[in-house]
Amino acid sequence: MLSEEAFDFKRCFGVPAEHALRQSDLPLATRGLLAPRRWEHEEYDSDGNLVAVYESWVRNGDSLGFVKYSPFGWVLSISGQSPRFPPPKPRLRLGKAA
């Protein structure tokens, strides 16, 4: 069973040593059924300003996937890919008019 202690979130997210990382909500599945599967964290700089918000989840049973947002909600990074090059959207197929 994976728990918050199973991941070094600060290292996984690349948070600078002088910044604080705080869990901002209780993980889902805390009702005693399964280990937590999703977390939210907030990153603060040394002056206490909110720098980023993270959503993370267990991926493939033992790795961590995450999205990093700016305080304004903009996607700053996605684990394993660049937010500048999101996955391509499927092309729409035009049907024949009846």
Protein backbone atom coordinates (compact mmCIF):
# COMPACT_ATOMS: atom_id res chain seq x y z
CA MET A 1 0.00 0.00 0.00
CA LEU A 2 1.42 3.36 -1.05
CA SER A 3 1.20 6.34 1.25
CA GLU A 4 2.44 9.90 1.26
CA GLU A 5 5.63 8.68 2.93
CA ALA A 6 6.33 6.43 -0.09
CA PHE A 7 7.20 9.52 -2.18
CA ASP A 8 9.64 12.34 -1.56
CA PHE A 9 7.29 14.93 -3.07
CA LYS A 10 9.76 17.79 -2.73
CA ARG A 11 12.35 15.87 -4.76
CA CYS A 12 9.79 14.51 -7.26
CA PHE A 13 8.42 17.99 -7.96
CA GLY A 14 11.87 19.64 -8.05
CA VAL A 15 11.02 22.10 -5.25
CA PRO A 16 14.01 24.27 -4.22
CA ALA A 17 15.41 23.55 -0.75
CA GLU A 18 14.45 27.01 0.56
CA HIS A 19 10.77 26.53 -0.41
CA ALA A 20 8.13 24.86 1.74
CA LEU A 21 5.77 22.20 0.42
CA ARG A 22 2.48 21.65 2.26
CA GLN A 23 -0.27 19.16 1.63
CA SER A 24 -3.37 21.25 0.92
CA ASP A 25 -6.10 18.62 1.14
CA LEU A 26 -6.68 15.12 2.43
CA PRO A 27 -5.88 12.39 -0.04
CA LEU A 28 -8.76 10.62 -1.73
CA ALA A 29 -9.53 7.06 -0.61
CA THR A 30 -8.83 7.84 3.05
CA ARG A 31 -11.96 5.99 4.06
CA GLY A 32 -9.90 2.93 4.95
CA LEU A 33 -10.47 1.17 1.63
CA LEU A 34 -7.23 1.82 -0.24
CA ALA A 35 -3.98 3.67 0.15
CA PRO A 36 -4.18 7.33 -0.91
CA ARG A 37 -4.10 7.65 -4.68
CA ARG A 38 -4.20 11.46 -5.23
CA TRP A 39 -2.68 14.41 -3.40
CA GLU A 40 -2.64 18.18 -3.67
CA HIS A 41 0.30 20.24 -2.43
CA GLU A 42 1.09 23.94 -2.34
CA GLU A 43 4.62 25.32 -2.75
CA TYR A 44 5.59 28.50 -0.86
CA ASP A 45 8.75 30.55 -1.22
CA SER A 46 10.86 31.65 1.76
CA ASP A 47 8.69 34.79 2.16
CA GLY A 48 5.50 32.72 2.43
CA ASN A 49 4.18 33.53 -1.07
CA LEU A 50 2.31 30.83 -2.95
CA VAL A 51 4.50 29.75 -5.88
CA ALA A 52 2.77 26.67 -7.28
CA VAL A 53 0.04 24.11 -6.72
CA TYR A 54 0.57 20.42 -7.50
CA GLU A 55 -1.90 17.64 -8.23
CA SER A 56 -0.29 14.22 -8.05
CA TRP A 57 -1.40 10.61 -8.33
CA VAL A 58 -0.01 7.11 -8.24
CA ARG A 59 0.87 5.94 -11.74
CA ASN A 60 1.56 2.33 -12.73
CA GLY A 61 1.31 1.22 -9.12
CA ASP A 62 4.61 2.65 -7.91
CA SER A 63 5.49 5.92 -9.66
CA LEU A 64 4.16 9.42 -9.24
CA GLY A 65 2.49 11.47 -11.97
CA PHE A 66 1.81 15.17 -11.40
CA VAL A 67 0.74 18.49 -12.87
CA LYS A 68 2.25 21.75 -11.60
CA TYR A 69 0.05 24.87 -11.77
CA SER A 70 0.88 28.54 -11.24
CA PRO A 71 -1.04 30.34 -8.48
CA PHE A 72 -3.29 31.58 -11.30
CA GLY A 73 -4.11 28.07 -12.51
CA TRP A 74 -1.84 27.95 -15.57
CA VAL A 75 -0.20 24.61 -16.30
CA LEU A 76 3.54 25.02 -15.73
CA SER A 77 4.63 21.41 -16.13
CA ILE A 78 3.32 17.90 -16.51
CA SER A 79 5.34 14.93 -15.35
CA GLY A 80 6.99 13.25 -18.28
CA GLN A 81 6.11 15.89 -20.89
CA SER A 82 6.33 19.56 -21.73
CA PRO A 83 3.13 21.59 -21.35
CA ARG A 84 4.15 23.46 -24.51
CA PHE A 85 3.65 20.27 -26.49
CA PRO A 86 0.50 18.63 -25.10
CA PRO A 87 -0.66 15.33 -26.60
CA PRO A 88 -2.31 15.87 -29.99
CA LYS A 89 -6.08 15.99 -29.99
CA PRO A 90 -7.83 13.45 -32.19
CA ARG A 91 -8.86 14.85 -35.56
CA LEU A 92 -12.52 15.15 -36.29
CA ARG A 93 -13.80 13.09 -39.14
CA LEU A 94 -16.30 14.75 -41.36
CA GLY A 95 -19.24 12.52 -42.15
CA LYS A 96 -21.14 12.52 -45.41
CA ALA A 97 -24.29 14.60 -45.43
CA ALA A 98 -27.44 12.52 -45.60
